[in-house]
Every structure is written in C-alpha cells, then in structure tokens.
C-alpha cells in the first residue's frame, strides 16, 4: 500500500501553517497528501495506510528544529501529551483514542517542526521558515522507509 502524508495545521495561525506548506511541496513531487487542517478525532478516519504525519509542535523541539517519532511512540502518553501539538485534540490523543477503540496504529512516522508563534497571521516566523527544508527532507526519508 502506498504511504500517505497527512499534514495538520492552520494557514492563518502563524507557524501552525508550516506543515501544510511542506505538504504542498510533497504533493508537487507526486506523493499522496491529505491536508487535514485540525481534524481532532477525525484523524482516525485518515489513518488507513502507512502514514507520514506532519505537524508543528509547541514543545519538545526548539523553533525550526525537526523531531521524528514512530507513530506508535507518539501514541504513548508518556511521550506526547495534548500539548505536543497546536491542536485541541492533537495527534497523540487521537492515536490513544483509536487504541482505546481497538484501532491499530498504522505503520508510520510523525515529523514535527518546532513552532514559535501561533498568532493570527499567515506568516511563518524566520526560524520556522528556515526549518521547512529540513522537515521536507525528513518527510521524504520517512516516505522512502515506508515504501520498502
């Protein structure tokens, strides 16, 4: 099964739009990309294929720095609480909800980029803008691993 990229975020919330920008780059390269916005529990419906999940994180990484975690690790409450994401029901909580409902966590990788500001704006902070290429490279590497 072909891996899918799921990008979370909001274009008009400052750095929160960074994952969506990287998703557009990956779509232009021919990858299967879903720009999911802030899906909350709806994320579970999208997790039916090997997945590279892109998001901007509020903690766990300095602004502009990329982190990578296997999805099964992201679901672990000791690794990523709600605050790892900029969304009310972040990907960690959605994966835990899926596990509680008996849904298996798909094979995949979470690629996060440390964010700095989340104010109403369509502009990325300079540090986050500088980290976009690194996030794209990490996503491409994760896609390559999932394709083998």
C-alpha atoms as a PDB file:
ATOM      1  CA  UNK A   1       0.000   0.000   0.000  1.00  0.00           C
ATOM      2  CA  UNK A   2       1.335   3.428  -0.976  1.00  0.00           C
ATOM      3  CA  UNK A   3       2.216   5.623   2.015  1.00  0.00           C
ATOM      4  CA  UNK A   4       0.225   8.761   2.668  1.00  0.00           C
ATOM      5  CA  UNK A   5       1.256  12.137   4.023  1.00  0.00           C
ATOM      6  CA  UNK A   6      -1.198  13.749   6.428  1.00  0.00           C
ATOM      7  CA  UNK A   7      -0.469  17.379   7.240  1.00  0.00           C
ATOM      8  CA  UNK A   8      -2.056  19.094  10.215  1.00  0.00           C
ATOM      9  CA  UNK A   9      -2.294  22.799  10.868  1.00  0.00           C
ATOM     10  CA  UNK A  10      -3.967  26.100  10.083  1.00  0.00           C
ATOM     11  CA  UNK A  11      -2.573  28.504   7.485  1.00  0.00           C
ATOM     12  CA  UNK A  12      -3.774  31.582   9.349  1.00  0.00           C
ATOM     13  CA  UNK A  13      -2.299  30.744  12.767  1.00  0.00           C
ATOM     14  CA  UNK A  14       1.333  31.744  12.288  1.00  0.00           C
ATOM     15  CA  UNK A  15       3.769  28.845  12.415  1.00  0.00           C
ATOM     16  CA  UNK A  16       0.892  26.365  12.591  1.00  0.00           C
ATOM     17  CA  UNK A  17       0.733  26.503   8.784  1.00  0.00           C
ATOM     18  CA  UNK A  18       4.278  25.191   8.235  1.00  0.00           C
ATOM     19  CA  UNK A  19       3.299  21.520   7.847  1.00  0.00           C
ATOM     20  CA  UNK A  20       0.734  22.489   5.223  1.00  0.00           C
ATOM     21  CA  UNK A  21       3.427  24.306   3.257  1.00  0.00           C
ATOM     22  CA  UNK A  22       5.663  21.231   3.328  1.00  0.00           C
ATOM     23  CA  UNK A  23       2.675  19.100   2.306  1.00  0.00           C
ATOM     24  CA  UNK A  24       2.249  21.202  -0.837  1.00  0.00           C
ATOM     25  CA  UNK A  25       5.898  20.603  -1.728  1.00  0.00           C
ATOM     26  CA  UNK A  26       5.383  16.845  -1.315  1.00  0.00           C
ATOM     27  CA  UNK A  27       2.172  16.914  -3.356  1.00  0.00           C
ATOM     28  CA  UNK A  28       4.085  18.645  -6.170  1.00  0.00           C
ATOM     29  CA  UNK A  29       6.525  15.700  -6.094  1.00  0.00           C
ATOM     30  CA  UNK A  30       3.619  13.293  -6.697  1.00  0.00           C
ATOM     31  CA  UNK A  31       3.041  11.969  -3.183  1.00  0.00           C
ATOM     32  CA  UNK A  32      -0.406  11.133  -1.794  1.00  0.00           C
ATOM     33  CA  UNK A  33      -1.082  14.091   0.516  1.00  0.00           C
ATOM     34  CA  UNK A  34      -4.049  14.975   2.715  1.00  0.00           C
ATOM     35  CA  UNK A  35      -4.065  18.494   4.143  1.00  0.00           C
ATOM     36  CA  UNK A  36      -6.256  17.717   7.138  1.00  0.00           C
ATOM     37  CA  UNK A  37      -6.294  21.034   8.979  1.00  0.00           C
ATOM     38  CA  UNK A  38      -7.233  20.408  12.602  1.00  0.00           C
ATOM     39  CA  UNK A  39      -9.118  17.124  12.397  1.00  0.00           C
ATOM     40  CA  UNK A  40      -9.184  16.153  16.085  1.00  0.00           C
ATOM     41  CA  UNK A  41     -10.665  12.659  16.392  1.00  0.00           C
ATOM     42  CA  UNK A  42     -11.367  12.750  12.641  1.00  0.00           C
ATOM     43  CA  UNK A  43      -7.683  11.956  12.182  1.00  0.00           C
ATOM     44  CA  UNK A  44      -8.559   8.329  12.931  1.00  0.00           C
ATOM     45  CA  UNK A  45     -10.527   8.073   9.678  1.00  0.00           C
ATOM     46  CA  UNK A  46      -7.436   9.087   7.696  1.00  0.00           C
ATOM     47  CA  UNK A  47      -5.095   6.528   9.260  1.00  0.00           C
ATOM     48  CA  UNK A  48      -5.843   3.615   6.941  1.00  0.00           C
ATOM     49  CA  UNK A  49      -2.450   3.440   5.193  1.00  0.00           C
ATOM     50  CA  UNK A  50       1.211   3.732   6.142  1.00  0.00           C
ATOM     51  CA  UNK A  51       1.470   7.368   7.182  1.00  0.00           C
ATOM     52  CA  UNK A  52       3.873  10.255   7.496  1.00  0.00           C
ATOM     53  CA  UNK A  53       2.136  12.680   9.842  1.00  0.00           C
ATOM     54  CA  UNK A  54       3.345  16.287   9.635  1.00  0.00           C
ATOM     55  CA  UNK A  55       2.619  18.874  12.318  1.00  0.00           C
ATOM     56  CA  UNK A  56       4.087  21.852  14.133  1.00  0.00           C
ATOM     57  CA  UNK A  57       4.814  21.256  17.806  1.00  0.00           C
ATOM     58  CA  UNK A  58       4.614  23.693  20.685  1.00  0.00           C
ATOM     59  CA  UNK A  59       7.124  21.846  22.850  1.00  0.00           C
ATOM     60  CA  UNK A  60       9.623  19.083  22.502  1.00  0.00           C
ATOM     61  CA  UNK A  61      11.590  20.920  19.801  1.00  0.00           C
ATOM     62  CA  UNK A  62      13.118  24.365  19.506  1.00  0.00           C
ATOM     63  CA  UNK A  63      11.622  26.644  16.836  1.00  0.00           C
ATOM     64  CA  UNK A  64      12.651  25.429  13.389  1.00  0.00           C
ATOM     65  CA  UNK A  65      14.029  22.103  14.648  1.00  0.00           C
ATOM     66  CA  UNK A  66      12.637  18.818  13.294  1.00  0.00           C
ATOM     67  CA  UNK A  67      11.712  15.872  15.505  1.00  0.00           C
ATOM     68  CA  UNK A  68      10.739  12.390  14.335  1.00  0.00           C
ATOM     69  CA  UNK A  69       8.864   9.721  16.260  1.00  0.00           C
ATOM     70  CA  UNK A  70       7.335   6.406  15.212  1.00  0.00           C
ATOM     71  CA  UNK A  71       3.545   6.741  15.324  1.00  0.00           C
ATOM     72  CA  UNK A  72       3.312   4.011  17.971  1.00  0.00           C
ATOM     73  CA  UNK A  73       5.642   6.078  20.188  1.00  0.00           C
ATOM     74  CA  UNK A  74       3.640   9.235  19.553  1.00  0.00           C
ATOM     75  CA  UNK A  75       0.563   7.446  20.856  1.00  0.00           C
ATOM     76  CA  UNK A  76       2.325   6.742  24.153  1.00  0.00           C
ATOM     77  CA  UNK A  77       1.005   9.219  26.713  1.00  0.00           C
ATOM     78  CA  UNK A  78       4.411   9.405  28.387  1.00  0.00           C
ATOM     79  CA  UNK A  79       5.952  10.765  25.181  1.00  0.00           C
ATOM     80  CA  UNK A  80       3.368  13.151  23.767  1.00  0.00           C
ATOM     81  CA  UNK A  81       0.525  14.722  25.633  1.00  0.00           C
ATOM     82  CA  UNK A  82      -2.016  17.106  24.167  1.00  0.00           C
ATOM     83  CA  UNK A  83       0.496  19.913  24.381  1.00  0.00           C
ATOM     84  CA  UNK A  84       2.822  18.343  21.806  1.00  0.00           C
ATOM     85  CA  UNK A  85       0.515  19.665  19.119  1.00  0.00           C
ATOM     86  CA  UNK A  86      -1.010  23.041  18.494  1.00  0.00           C
ATOM     87  CA  UNK A  87      -4.481  21.469  18.261  1.00  0.00           C
ATOM     88  CA  UNK A  88      -7.089  20.810  20.953  1.00  0.00           C
ATOM     89  CA  UNK A  89      -7.139  17.058  20.339  1.00  0.00           C
ATOM     90  CA  UNK A  90      -3.668  16.535  18.995  1.00  0.00           C
ATOM     91  CA  UNK A  91      -2.395  13.518  17.131  1.00  0.00           C
ATOM     92  CA  UNK A  92      -1.194  11.811  20.330  1.00  0.00           C
ATOM     93  CA  UNK A  93      -4.639  11.922  21.892  1.00  0.00           C
ATOM     94  CA  UNK A  94      -6.281  10.831  18.629  1.00  0.00           C
ATOM     95  CA  UNK A  95      -3.983   7.794  18.410  1.00  0.00           C
ATOM     96  CA  UNK A  96      -4.695   6.892  22.045  1.00  0.00           C
ATOM     97  CA  UNK A  97      -8.419   7.211  21.362  1.00  0.00           C
ATOM     98  CA  UNK A  98      -8.014   4.906  18.372  1.00  0.00           C
ATOM     99  CA  UNK A  99      -6.201   2.347  20.515  1.00  0.00           C
ATOM    100  CA  UNK A 100      -8.982   2.511  23.110  1.00  0.00           C
ATOM    101  CA  UNK A 101     -11.476   1.851  20.312  1.00  0.00           C
ATOM    102  CA  UNK A 102      -9.463  -1.151  19.121  1.00  0.00           C
ATOM    103  CA  UNK A 103      -7.993   0.517  16.037  1.00  0.00           C
ATOM    104  CA  UNK A 104      -4.402  -0.419  15.302  1.00  0.00           C
ATOM    105  CA  UNK A 105      -1.866   2.358  14.919  1.00  0.00           C
ATOM    106  CA  UNK A 106      -0.652   2.374  11.319  1.00  0.00           C
ATOM    107  CA  UNK A 107       2.981   1.947  10.424  1.00  0.00           C
ATOM    108  CA  UNK A 108       4.459   5.387  10.086  1.00  0.00           C
ATOM    109  CA  UNK A 109       6.364   8.373  11.347  1.00  0.00           C
ATOM    110  CA  UNK A 110       5.457  11.658  12.986  1.00  0.00           C
ATOM    111  CA  UNK A 111       7.573  14.510  11.634  1.00  0.00           C
ATOM    112  CA  UNK A 112       7.236  17.597  13.786  1.00  0.00           C
ATOM    113  CA  UNK A 113       8.711  21.053  13.414  1.00  0.00           C
ATOM    114  CA  UNK A 114       9.184  23.251  16.457  1.00  0.00           C
ATOM    115  CA  UNK A 115       6.983  26.331  16.260  1.00  0.00           C
ATOM    116  CA  UNK A 116       7.468  29.756  17.781  1.00  0.00           C
ATOM    117  CA  UNK A 117       4.339  31.838  17.283  1.00  0.00           C
ATOM    118  CA  UNK A 118       0.736  30.855  16.764  1.00  0.00           C
ATOM    119  CA  UNK A 119      -0.945  34.244  16.454  1.00  0.00           C
ATOM    120  CA  UNK A 120      -3.499  35.096  13.748  1.00  0.00           C
ATOM    121  CA  UNK A 121      -1.227  35.518  10.733  1.00  0.00           C
ATOM    122  CA  UNK A 122      -0.344  33.744   7.517  1.00  0.00           C
ATOM    123  CA  UNK A 123       3.367  34.481   8.036  1.00  0.00           C
ATOM    124  CA  UNK A 124       5.828  31.944   9.401  1.00  0.00           C
ATOM    125  CA  UNK A 125       8.467  33.041  11.888  1.00  0.00           C
ATOM    126  CA  UNK A 126      12.000  33.214  10.422  1.00  0.00           C
ATOM    127  CA  UNK A 127      13.214  30.180  12.417  1.00  0.00           C
ATOM    128  CA  UNK A 128      10.296  28.034  11.288  1.00  0.00           C
ATOM    129  CA  UNK A 129      10.628  29.165   7.664  1.00  0.00           C
ATOM    130  CA  UNK A 130      14.313  28.179   7.862  1.00  0.00           C
ATOM    131  CA  UNK A 131      13.281  24.690   9.082  1.00  0.00           C
ATOM    132  CA  UNK A 132      10.926  23.889   6.183  1.00  0.00           C
ATOM    133  CA  UNK A 133      13.614  22.253   4.032  1.00  0.00           C
ATOM    134  CA  UNK A 134      14.686  20.011   6.926  1.00  0.00           C
ATOM    135  CA  UNK A 135      11.060  18.999   7.531  1.00  0.00           C
ATOM    136  CA  UNK A 136      10.654  18.183   3.841  1.00  0.00           C
ATOM    137  CA  UNK A 137      13.846  16.073   3.830  1.00  0.00           C
ATOM    138  CA  UNK A 138      12.697  14.194   6.954  1.00  0.00           C
ATOM    139  CA  UNK A 139       9.293  13.524   5.387  1.00  0.00           C
ATOM    140  CA  UNK A 140      10.890  12.270   2.158  1.00  0.00           C
ATOM    141  CA  UNK A 141      13.174   9.939   4.120  1.00  0.00           C
ATOM    142  CA  UNK A 142      10.195   8.622   6.112  1.00  0.00           C
ATOM    143  CA  UNK A 143       8.236   8.049   2.889  1.00  0.00           C
ATOM    144  CA  UNK A 144      11.176   6.125   1.432  1.00  0.00           C
ATOM    145  CA  UNK A 145      11.331   3.889   4.530  1.00  0.00           C
ATOM    146  CA  UNK A 146       7.588   3.213   4.325  1.00  0.00           C
ATOM    147  CA  UNK A 147       7.816   2.348   0.628  1.00  0.00           C
ATOM    148  CA  UNK A 148      10.189  -0.569   1.217  1.00  0.00           C
END
